[in-house]
Amino acid sequence: LVGAPEPGDAVLLNVSALARRLGTGGFALVTAIPDR
């Protein structure tokens, strides 16, 4: 969906689950690699 981020890439993240400290879905999710 968004490509394969590499070290050094700037990414946009959805961090809602982490902000709410949820166990289910407890990842930051990459929504875009704007520069690549």
PDB file of all heavy atoms in Angstrom:
ATOM      1  N   LEU A   1       0.805  -1.213   0.000  1.00  0.00           N
ATOM      2  CA  LEU A   1       0.000   0.000   0.000  1.00  0.00           C
ATOM      3  C   LEU A   1       0.840   1.265   0.000  1.00  0.00           C
ATOM      4  O   LEU A   1       0.531   2.227  -0.710  1.00  0.00           O
ATOM      5  CB  LEU A   1      -0.937   0.016   1.219  1.00  0.00           C
ATOM      6  CG  LEU A   1      -1.896  -1.165   1.382  1.00  0.00           C
ATOM      7  CD1 LEU A   1      -2.757  -0.969   2.620  1.00  0.00           C
ATOM      8  CD2 LEU A   1      -2.771  -1.335   0.147  1.00  0.00           C
ATOM      9  N   VAL A   2       1.900   1.294   0.825  1.00  0.00           N
ATOM     10  CA  VAL A   2       2.659   2.545   1.004  1.00  0.00           C
ATOM     11  C   VAL A   2       4.111   2.432   0.573  1.00  0.00           C
ATOM     12  O   VAL A   2       4.841   3.427   0.590  1.00  0.00           O
ATOM     13  CB  VAL A   2       2.593   3.021   2.470  1.00  0.00           C
ATOM     14  CG1 VAL A   2       1.153   3.238   2.910  1.00  0.00           C
ATOM     15  CG2 VAL A   2       3.297   2.049   3.414  1.00  0.00           C
ATOM     16  N   GLY A   3       4.563   1.252   0.189  1.00  0.00           N
ATOM     17  CA  GLY A   3       5.969   1.059  -0.127  1.00  0.00           C
ATOM     18  C   GLY A   3       6.737   0.521   1.072  1.00  0.00           C
ATOM     19  O   GLY A   3       6.166   0.257   2.136  1.00  0.00           O
ATOM     20  N   ALA A   4       8.042   0.355   0.903  1.00  0.00           N
ATOM     21  CA  ALA A   4       8.896  -0.246   1.936  1.00  0.00           C
ATOM     22  C   ALA A   4       9.827   0.816   2.516  1.00  0.00           C
ATOM     23  O   ALA A   4      10.823   1.190   1.887  1.00  0.00           O
ATOM     24  CB  ALA A   4       9.708  -1.396   1.349  1.00  0.00           C
ATOM     25  N   PRO A   5       9.534   1.328   3.714  1.00  0.00           N
ATOM     26  CA  PRO A   5      10.396   2.357   4.301  1.00  0.00           C
ATOM     27  C   PRO A   5      11.790   1.809   4.605  1.00  0.00           C
ATOM     28  O   PRO A   5      11.945   0.661   5.030  1.00  0.00           O
ATOM     29  CB  PRO A   5       9.666   2.732   5.591  1.00  0.00           C
ATOM     30  CG  PRO A   5       8.264   2.253   5.411  1.00  0.00           C
ATOM     31  CD  PRO A   5       8.372   1.036   4.557  1.00  0.00           C
ATOM     32  N   GLU A   6      12.793   2.659   4.394  1.00  0.00           N
ATOM     33  CA  GLU A   6      14.180   2.312   4.677  1.00  0.00           C
ATOM     34  C   GLU A   6      14.715   3.233   5.765  1.00  0.00           C
ATOM     35  O   GLU A   6      14.186   4.335   5.979  1.00  0.00           O
ATOM     36  CB  GLU A   6      15.035   2.464   3.412  1.00  0.00           C
ATOM     37  CG  GLU A   6      14.623   1.570   2.254  1.00  0.00           C
ATOM     38  CD  GLU A   6      14.974   0.108   2.478  1.00  0.00           C
ATOM     39  OE1 GLU A   6      15.671  -0.195   3.468  1.00  0.00           O
ATOM     40  OE2 GLU A   6      14.536  -0.733   1.664  1.00  0.00           O
ATOM     41  N   PRO A   7      15.763   2.795   6.485  1.00  0.00           N
ATOM     42  CA  PRO A   7      16.364   3.689   7.481  1.00  0.00           C
ATOM     43  C   PRO A   7      16.697   5.048   6.881  1.00  0.00           C
ATOM     44  O   PRO A   7      17.220   5.147   5.769  1.00  0.00           O
ATOM     45  CB  PRO A   7      17.621   2.928   7.897  1.00  0.00           C
ATOM     46  CG  PRO A   7      17.263   1.487   7.704  1.00  0.00           C
ATOM     47  CD  PRO A   7      16.408   1.464   6.471  1.00  0.00           C
ATOM     48  N   GLY A   8      16.333   6.093   7.604  1.00  0.00           N
ATOM     49  CA  GLY A   8      16.546   7.455   7.148  1.00  0.00           C
ATOM     50  C   GLY A   8      15.337   8.072   6.495  1.00  0.00           C
ATOM     51  O   GLY A   8      15.263   9.302   6.347  1.00  0.00           O
ATOM     52  N   ASP A   9      14.352   7.253   6.077  1.00  0.00           N
ATOM     53  CA  ASP A   9      13.157   7.801   5.441  1.00  0.00           C
ATOM     54  C   ASP A   9      12.306   8.590   6.438  1.00  0.00           C
ATOM     55  O   ASP A   9      12.135   8.183   7.601  1.00  0.00           O
ATOM     56  CB  ASP A   9      12.287   6.682   4.867  1.00  0.00           C
ATOM     57  CG  ASP A   9      12.750   6.185   3.513  1.00  0.00           C
ATOM     58  OD1 ASP A   9      13.512   6.909   2.850  1.00  0.00           O
ATOM     59  OD2 ASP A   9      12.333   5.068   3.125  1.00  0.00           O
ATOM     60  N   ALA A  10      11.770   9.698   5.971  1.00  0.00           N
ATOM     61  CA  ALA A  10      10.745  10.413   6.723  1.00  0.00           C
ATOM     62  C   ALA A  10       9.399   9.756   6.427  1.00  0.00           C
ATOM     63  O   ALA A  10       9.087   9.461   5.271  1.00  0.00           O
ATOM     64  CB  ALA A  10      10.721  11.874   6.320  1.00  0.00           C
ATOM     65  N   VAL A  11       8.620   9.500   7.476  1.00  0.00           N
ATOM     66  CA  VAL A  11       7.323   8.835   7.305  1.00  0.00           C
ATOM     67  C   VAL A  11       6.258   9.588   8.082  1.00  0.00           C
ATOM     68  O   VAL A  11       6.543  10.296   9.063  1.00  0.00           O
ATOM     69  CB  VAL A  11       7.369   7.364   7.790  1.00  0.00           C
ATOM     70  CG1 VAL A  11       8.241   6.518   6.878  1.00  0.00           C
ATOM     71  CG2 VAL A  11       7.859   7.257   9.232  1.00  0.00           C
ATOM     72  N   LEU A  12       5.027   9.439   7.621  1.00  0.00           N
ATOM     73  CA  LEU A  12       3.864   9.920   8.356  1.00  0.00           C
ATOM     74  C   LEU A  12       3.228   8.734   9.067  1.00  0.00           C
ATOM     75  O   LEU A  12       3.023   7.683   8.451  1.00  0.00           O
ATOM     76  CB  LEU A  12       2.845  10.561   7.414  1.00  0.00           C
ATOM     77  CG  LEU A  12       3.240  11.882   6.760  1.00  0.00           C
ATOM     78  CD1 LEU A  12       2.127  12.353   5.830  1.00  0.00           C
ATOM     79  CD2 LEU A  12       3.520  12.936   7.812  1.00  0.00           C
ATOM     80  N   LEU A  13       2.924   8.895  10.352  1.00  0.00           N
ATOM     81  CA  LEU A  13       2.410   7.792  11.163  1.00  0.00           C
ATOM     82  C   LEU A  13       1.046   8.121  11.745  1.00  0.00           C
ATOM     83  O   LEU A  13       0.791   9.252  12.174  1.00  0.00           O
ATOM     84  CB  LEU A  13       3.366   7.498  12.330  1.00  0.00           C
ATOM     85  CG  LEU A  13       4.810   7.118  12.010  1.00  0.00           C
ATOM     86  CD1 LEU A  13       5.570   6.890  13.317  1.00  0.00           C
ATOM     87  CD2 LEU A  13       4.869   5.883  11.136  1.00  0.00           C
ATOM     88  N   ASN A  14       0.195   7.124  11.785  1.00  0.00           N
ATOM     89  CA  ASN A  14      -1.012   7.138  12.605  1.00  0.00           C
ATOM     90  C   ASN A  14      -0.628   6.481  13.926  1.00  0.00           C
ATOM     91  O   ASN A  14      -0.308   5.295  13.970  1.00  0.00           O
ATOM     92  CB  ASN A  14      -2.123   6.355  11.901  1.00  0.00           C
ATOM     93  CG  ASN A  14      -3.402   6.261  12.705  1.00  0.00           C
ATOM     94  OD1 ASN A  14      -3.393   6.344  13.935  1.00  0.00           O
ATOM     95  ND2 ASN A  14      -4.516   6.059  12.021  1.00  0.00           N
ATOM     96  N   VAL A  15      -0.641   7.253  15.019  1.00  0.00           N
ATOM     97  CA  VAL A  15      -0.197   6.735  16.323  1.00  0.00           C
ATOM     98  C   VAL A  15      -1.352   6.673  17.320  1.00  0.00           C
ATOM     99  O   VAL A  15      -1.145   6.652  18.533  1.00  0.00           O
ATOM    100  CB  VAL A  15       0.955   7.584  16.904  1.00  0.00           C
ATOM    101  CG1 VAL A  15       2.185   7.498  16.014  1.00  0.00           C
ATOM    102  CG2 VAL A  15       0.530   9.042  17.101  1.00  0.00           C
ATOM    103  N   SER A  16      -2.584   6.611  16.821  1.00  0.00           N
ATOM    104  CA  SER A  16      -3.749   6.678  17.708  1.00  0.00           C
ATOM    105  C   SER A  16      -3.753   5.567  18.750  1.00  0.00           C
ATOM    106  O   SER A  16      -4.034   5.802  19.934  1.00  0.00           O
ATOM    107  CB  SER A  16      -5.030   6.623  16.884  1.00  0.00           C
ATOM    108  OG  SER A  16      -5.098   7.704  15.988  1.00  0.00           O
ATOM    109  N   ALA A  17      -3.465   4.317  18.320  1.00  0.00           N
ATOM    110  CA  ALA A  17      -3.506   3.197  19.265  1.00  0.00           C
ATOM    111  C   ALA A  17      -2.440   3.356  20.341  1.00  0.00           C
ATOM    112  O   ALA A  17      -2.674   3.039  21.516  1.00  0.00           O
ATOM    113  CB  ALA A  17      -3.316   1.878  18.523  1.00  0.00           C
ATOM    114  N   LEU A  18      -1.265   3.847  19.959  1.00  0.00           N
ATOM    115  CA  LEU A  18      -0.215   4.069  20.950  1.00  0.00           C
ATOM    116  C   LEU A  18      -0.597   5.201  21.901  1.00  0.00           C
ATOM    117  O   LEU A  18      -0.338   5.128  23.104  1.00  0.00           O
ATOM    118  CB  LEU A  18       1.103   4.409  20.249  1.00  0.00           C
ATOM    119  CG  LEU A  18       1.742   3.302  19.406  1.00  0.00           C
ATOM    120  CD1 LEU A  18       3.031   3.804  18.776  1.00  0.00           C
ATOM    121  CD2 LEU A  18       2.022   2.065  20.248  1.00  0.00           C
ATOM    122  N   ALA A  19      -1.214   6.238  21.374  1.00  0.00           N
ATOM    123  CA  ALA A  19      -1.623   7.356  22.216  1.00  0.00           C
ATOM    124  C   ALA A  19      -2.641   6.924  23.254  1.00  0.00           C
ATOM    125  O   ALA A  19      -2.645   7.426  24.385  1.00  0.00           O
ATOM    126  CB  ALA A  19      -2.195   8.478  21.345  1.00  0.00           C
ATOM    127  N   ARG A  20      -3.497   5.958  22.881  1.00  0.00           N
ATOM    128  CA  ARG A  20      -4.506   5.464  23.822  1.00  0.00           C
ATOM    129  C   ARG A  20      -4.010   4.264  24.625  1.00  0.00           C
ATOM    130  O   ARG A  20      -4.745   3.698  25.418  1.00  0.00           O
ATOM    131  CB  ARG A  20      -5.770   5.062  23.045  1.00  0.00           C
ATOM    132  CG  ARG A  20      -6.463   6.220  22.340  1.00  0.00           C
ATOM    133  CD  ARG A  20      -7.085   7.196  23.323  1.00  0.00           C
ATOM    134  NE  ARG A  20      -8.121   6.563  24.106  1.00  0.00           N
ATOM    135  CZ  ARG A  20      -9.397   6.477  23.721  1.00  0.00           C
ATOM    136  NH1 ARG A  20      -9.767   6.990  22.546  1.00  0.00           N
ATOM    137  NH2 ARG A  20     -10.293   5.900  24.488  1.00  0.00           N
ATOM    138  N   ARG A  21      -2.755   3.861  24.388  1.00  0.00           N
ATOM    139  CA  ARG A  21      -2.124   2.746  25.103  1.00  0.00           C
ATOM    140  C   ARG A  21      -2.917   1.455  24.944  1.00  0.00           C
ATOM    141  O   ARG A  21      -3.126   0.684  25.894  1.00  0.00           O
ATOM    142  CB  ARG A  21      -1.943   3.081  26.584  1.00  0.00           C
ATOM    143  CG  ARG A  21      -1.074   4.302  26.809  1.00  0.00           C
ATOM    144  CD  ARG A  21      -0.775   4.546  28.270  1.00  0.00           C
ATOM    145  NE  ARG A  21       0.069   5.719  28.435  1.00  0.00           N
ATOM    146  CZ  ARG A  21       0.573   6.134  29.604  1.00  0.00           C
ATOM    147  NH1 ARG A  21       0.294   5.458  30.705  1.00  0.00           N
ATOM    148  NH2 ARG A  21       1.331   7.201  29.662  1.00  0.00           N
ATOM    149  N   LEU A  22      -3.359   1.206  23.721  1.00  0.00           N
ATOM    150  CA  LEU A  22      -4.104  -0.019  23.445  1.00  0.00           C
ATOM    151  C   LEU A  22      -3.151  -1.172  23.185  1.00  0.00           C
ATOM    152  O   LEU A  22      -2.103  -1.001  22.566  1.00  0.00           O
ATOM    153  CB  LEU A  22      -5.009   0.167  22.213  1.00  0.00           C
ATOM    154  CG  LEU A  22      -6.085   1.245  22.303  1.00  0.00           C
ATOM    155  CD1 LEU A  22      -6.883   1.266  21.009  1.00  0.00           C
ATOM    156  CD2 LEU A  22      -6.998   1.003  23.494  1.00  0.00           C
ATOM    157  N   GLY A  23      -3.538  -2.376  23.645  1.00  0.00           N
ATOM    158  CA  GLY A  23      -2.769  -3.569  23.301  1.00  0.00           C
ATOM    159  C   GLY A  23      -3.061  -3.981  21.871  1.00  0.00           C
ATOM    160  O   GLY A  23      -2.155  -4.210  21.072  1.00  0.00           O
ATOM    161  N   THR A  24      -4.360  -4.057  21.526  1.00  0.00           N
ATOM    162  CA  THR A  24      -4.745  -4.391  20.152  1.00  0.00           C
ATOM    163  C   THR A  24      -4.434  -3.215  19.248  1.00  0.00           C
ATOM    164  O   THR A  24      -4.820  -2.093  19.519  1.00  0.00           O
ATOM    165  CB  THR A  24      -6.248  -4.710  20.091  1.00  0.00           C
ATOM    166  OG1 THR A  24      -6.503  -5.841  20.904  1.00  0.00           O
ATOM    167  CG2 THR A  24      -6.677  -5.006  18.662  1.00  0.00           C
ATOM    168  N   GLY A  25      -3.741  -3.489  18.171  1.00  0.00           N
ATOM    169  CA  GLY A  25      -3.388  -2.425  17.244  1.00  0.00           C
ATOM    170  C   GLY A  25      -2.305  -1.521  17.757  1.00  0.00           C
ATOM    171  O   GLY A  25      -2.154  -0.397  17.279  1.00  0.00           O
ATOM    172  N   GLY A  26      -1.526  -1.980  18.726  1.00  0.00           N
ATOM    173  CA  GLY A  26      -0.536  -1.130  19.362  1.00  0.00           C
ATOM    174  C   GLY A  26       0.709  -0.879  18.546  1.00  0.00           C
ATOM    175  O   GLY A  26       1.837  -1.029  19.040  1.00  0.00           O
ATOM    176  N   PHE A  27       0.538  -0.515  17.304  1.00  0.00           N
ATOM    177  CA  PHE A  27       1.635  -0.120  16.433  1.00  0.00           C
ATOM    178  C   PHE A  27       1.414   1.322  16.001  1.00  0.00           C
ATOM    179  O   PHE A  27       0.286   1.797  15.925  1.00  0.00           O
ATOM    180  CB  PHE A  27       1.662  -0.955  15.140  1.00  0.00           C
ATOM    181  CG  PHE A  27       2.201  -2.339  15.274  1.00  0.00           C
ATOM    182  CD1 PHE A  27       1.351  -3.402  15.544  1.00  0.00           C
ATOM    183  CD2 PHE A  27       3.550  -2.607  15.112  1.00  0.00           C
ATOM    184  CE1 PHE A  27       1.840  -4.686  15.645  1.00  0.00           C
ATOM    185  CE2 PHE A  27       4.049  -3.884  15.203  1.00  0.00           C
ATOM    186  CZ  PHE A  27       3.195  -4.934  15.471  1.00  0.00           C
ATOM    187  N   ALA A  28       2.512   2.001  15.667  1.00  0.00           N
ATOM    188  CA  ALA A  28       2.388   3.166  14.816  1.00  0.00           C
ATOM    189  C   ALA A  28       2.275   2.641  13.386  1.00  0.00           C
ATOM    190  O   ALA A  28       3.014   1.741  12.990  1.00  0.00           O
ATOM    191  CB  ALA A  28       3.617   4.055  14.963  1.00  0.00           C
ATOM    192  N   LEU A  29       1.339   3.172  12.631  1.00  0.00           N
ATOM    193  CA  LEU A  29       1.080   2.669  11.287  1.00  0.00           C
ATOM    194  C   LEU A  29       1.534   3.700  10.258  1.00  0.00           C
ATOM    195  O   LEU A  29       1.121   4.873  10.311  1.00  0.00           O
ATOM    196  CB  LEU A  29      -0.407   2.375  11.108  1.00  0.00           C
ATOM    197  CG  LEU A  29      -0.947   1.269  12.033  1.00  0.00           C
ATOM    198  CD1 LEU A  29      -2.466   1.197  11.951  1.00  0.00           C
ATOM    199  CD2 LEU A  29      -0.343  -0.074  11.679  1.00  0.00           C
ATOM    200  N   VAL A  30       2.358   3.242   9.344  1.00  0.00           N
ATOM    201  CA  VAL A  30       2.872   4.132   8.300  1.00  0.00           C
ATOM    202  C   VAL A  30       1.761   4.400   7.293  1.00  0.00           C
ATOM    203  O   VAL A  30       1.204   3.466   6.697  1.00  0.00           O
ATOM    204  CB  VAL A  30       4.094   3.507   7.600  1.00  0.00           C
ATOM    205  CG1 VAL A  30       4.566   4.409   6.455  1.00  0.00           C
ATOM    206  CG2 VAL A  30       5.226   3.270   8.595  1.00  0.00           C
ATOM    207  N   THR A  31       1.436   5.665   7.108  1.00  0.00           N
ATOM    208  CA  THR A  31       0.423   6.042   6.123  1.00  0.00           C
ATOM    209  C   THR A  31       1.042   6.574   4.838  1.00  0.00           C
ATOM    210  O   THR A  31       0.372   6.579   3.798  1.00  0.00           O
ATOM    211  CB  THR A  31      -0.531   7.098   6.695  1.00  0.00           C
ATOM    212  OG1 THR A  31       0.226   8.265   7.038  1.00  0.00           O
ATOM    213  CG2 THR A  31      -1.232   6.570   7.942  1.00  0.00           C
ATOM    214  N   ALA A  32       2.276   7.021   4.888  1.00  0.00           N
ATOM    215  CA  ALA A  32       2.930   7.511   3.667  1.00  0.00           C
ATOM    216  C   ALA A  32       4.422   7.679   3.909  1.00  0.00           C
ATOM    217  O   ALA A  32       4.877   7.896   5.042  1.00  0.00           O
ATOM    218  CB  ALA A  32       2.327   8.840   3.225  1.00  0.00           C
ATOM    219  N   ILE A  33       5.179   7.548   2.826  1.00  0.00           N
ATOM    220  CA  ILE A  33       6.596   7.921   2.776  1.00  0.00           C
ATOM    221  C   ILE A  33       6.647   9.115   1.836  1.00  0.00           C
ATOM    222  O   ILE A  33       6.833   8.956   0.619  1.00  0.00           O
ATOM    223  CB  ILE A  33       7.465   6.755   2.250  1.00  0.00           C
ATOM    224  CG1 ILE A  33       7.098   5.445   2.955  1.00  0.00           C
ATOM    225  CG2 ILE A  33       8.952   7.052   2.424  1.00  0.00           C
ATOM    226  CD1 ILE A  33       7.732   4.216   2.315  1.00  0.00           C
ATOM    227  N   PRO A  34       6.437  10.328   2.338  1.00  0.00           N
ATOM    228  CA  PRO A  34       6.169  11.474   1.453  1.00  0.00           C
ATOM    229  C   PRO A  34       7.261  11.748   0.424  1.00  0.00           C
ATOM    230  O   PRO A  34       6.958  12.180  -0.694  1.00  0.00           O
ATOM    231  CB  PRO A  34       6.026  12.640   2.431  1.00  0.00           C
ATOM    232  CG  PRO A  34       5.699  12.024   3.746  1.00  0.00           C
ATOM    233  CD  PRO A  34       6.389  10.699   3.756  1.00  0.00           C
ATOM    234  N   ASP A  35       8.515  11.508   0.808  1.00  0.00           N
ATOM    235  CA  ASP A  35       9.605  11.851  -0.112  1.00  0.00           C
ATOM    236  C   ASP A  35       9.977  10.711  -1.054  1.00  0.00           C
ATOM    237  O   ASP A  35      10.878  10.879  -1.889  1.00  0.00           O
ATOM    238  CB  ASP A  35      10.852  12.254   0.698  1.00  0.00           C
ATOM    239  CG  ASP A  35      10.603  13.479   1.569  1.00  0.00           C
ATOM    240  OD1 ASP A  35       9.788  14.325   1.151  1.00  0.00           O
ATOM    241  OD2 ASP A  35      11.191  13.567   2.664  1.00  0.00           O
ATOM    242  N   ARG A  36       9.308   9.565  -0.914  1.00  0.00           N
ATOM    243  CA  ARG A  36       9.644   8.424  -1.773  1.00  0.00           C
ATOM    244  C   ARG A  36       8.378   7.586  -1.988  1.00  0.00           C
ATOM    245  O   ARG A  36       8.252   6.482  -1.481  1.00  0.00           O
ATOM    246  CB  ARG A  36      10.769   7.590  -1.132  1.00  0.00           C
ATOM    247  CG  ARG A  36      11.416   6.594  -2.098  1.00  0.00           C
ATOM    248  CD  ARG A  36      12.750   6.074  -1.521  1.00  0.00           C
ATOM    249  NE  ARG A  36      12.593   5.469  -0.223  1.00  0.00           N
ATOM    250  CZ  ARG A  36      12.167   4.205  -0.038  1.00  0.00           C
ATOM    251  NH1 ARG A  36      11.849   3.461  -1.066  1.00  0.00           N
ATOM    252  NH2 ARG A  36      12.074   3.717   1.180  1.00  0.00           N
TER     253      ARG A  36
END
